[in-house]
Amino acid sequence: MKKIRLLFLLLSLSVGSVVAQELPSRDKILEVTKRVNEYLMTKKYPDPTAVMPYYSRNKVYESNIWTRAVYYEGLMALYSIYPDNRYYDYAMRWAEFHKWGMRGDDTTTRNADNYCCAQTYIDLYRLTPRPEMLTKTIALCDMLVNSPQIEDWTWIDAIQMGMPVLVKLGTLKGDSRYYEKAYDMYMWSRNTHAGGLYNEAEGLWWRDKDFIPPYKEPNGEDCYWSRGNGWVVAALVRVLDELPQDAPHRNQYIKDLRAMCKAAKACQREDGYWNVSLHDESNFGGKEVSGTSLFIYGMAWGINNGILDREEYLPVVAKAWNTMVKEAVHKNGFLGYVQGTGKEPKDGQPVTFKSKPDFEDYGVGCFLLAGSEIYKL
């Protein structure tokens, strides 16, 4: 009798575990994704042209900086599965206000944060092409392609901000020079800068040269910042989504995406989130949405495109998505547990359900990318 009871208990636990890993219906995924977007689009920033207050400083920023550009990446992903004209109009008003230009209207900038907005300009051009929409983007990318310099992306966030711009334009123009430049710049960051920011043995990236050993976390581990690694995952996804199947460097990007997702899977928290410090939960450990969203965006895309095994990674994605929806999304759509801007675990703290990051937009963008891709599962 005891053996039967034990078997029944084990079966019950097993079934419960499987049920816990299931994704909600598409309707529910879409509802919460739309709700989070609606809060930012209609309640927080009803005017897409307005300057952005920086909460922890007495300063404002124009609305085409990287934080807002990442939001529009997410909005265009949402538009691709739910083509509400309001989303298109909102993005168009923003782009036209900035005259389709980079931050500071500078087509000579090499700072990827300043031209991340061009990802959305290209997406909008594809919907309703007019030459003036990409004049400045082409000028900037041609400047990058036609100069020998490749040492621009000295911090890993820049890979997400900059690399998809070059690859998207290369695909649009059918010009592989943009692919080659993106690859050269990526591989310089990966292998050369400060000895290489990518640790192939761990499948993770140091955020910049300041965190390469001998720098260590309080527990003695290397410092791998969650959102920073999430940026690289997102960059690889957005590049692979554009590259032709026979593109020369596609296999390199697939290899890196697989290695990073494997590494992320191994350090997922029991509750589904990822800590801001991937290998040290004692260093400002806790729930964090932006890095978590970027990891499951990459994993969901990998599943959808046959690069990652569905049985292995779907439970990881489902656990993370379900816990974010349950614990981080307010009823009005405000998104909690988003770490503020910075480059390491201590920045933007504290991170809580009610805490407001210095910028709210990029966290929403990350969440929209995740929701839009998970919807396709």
Foldseek 3Di string as FASTA:
>chain_A
DVVVVVVVVVVVVVVVLVVLLDADALVVLLVLLVLLVCCCCVPVCVDQQDWAFQVVDRDTFTNQFQLNLLLLLLLLLSCVVVVDVVSLVNLVNNCVSVQLAWGVSDLQDLALRRQLNLLNLLVNCVVPNDVSSCPSLVSSLVNLLVDPDLARCQFLLSLLSHLLSLLSVCLVVVNCSSVVSSVSNVVCQAAPALRGQADLVLLAGQGGNVQDPVHADPVRHGFGFLLSRLSLLNSLLSNLVRDDPVDPCNVVSLVSNVSNLVNQLVQADPQLAAFRGSVDCPLLHDHAQLSSLSSLLSVLSCCVVVSDDCVVCSSSNSSNVVSQSVQAADPSNQGFRHAADDRGNVHRDDGDSPDDHSDRSNSSSSNSSSSSSNSSD
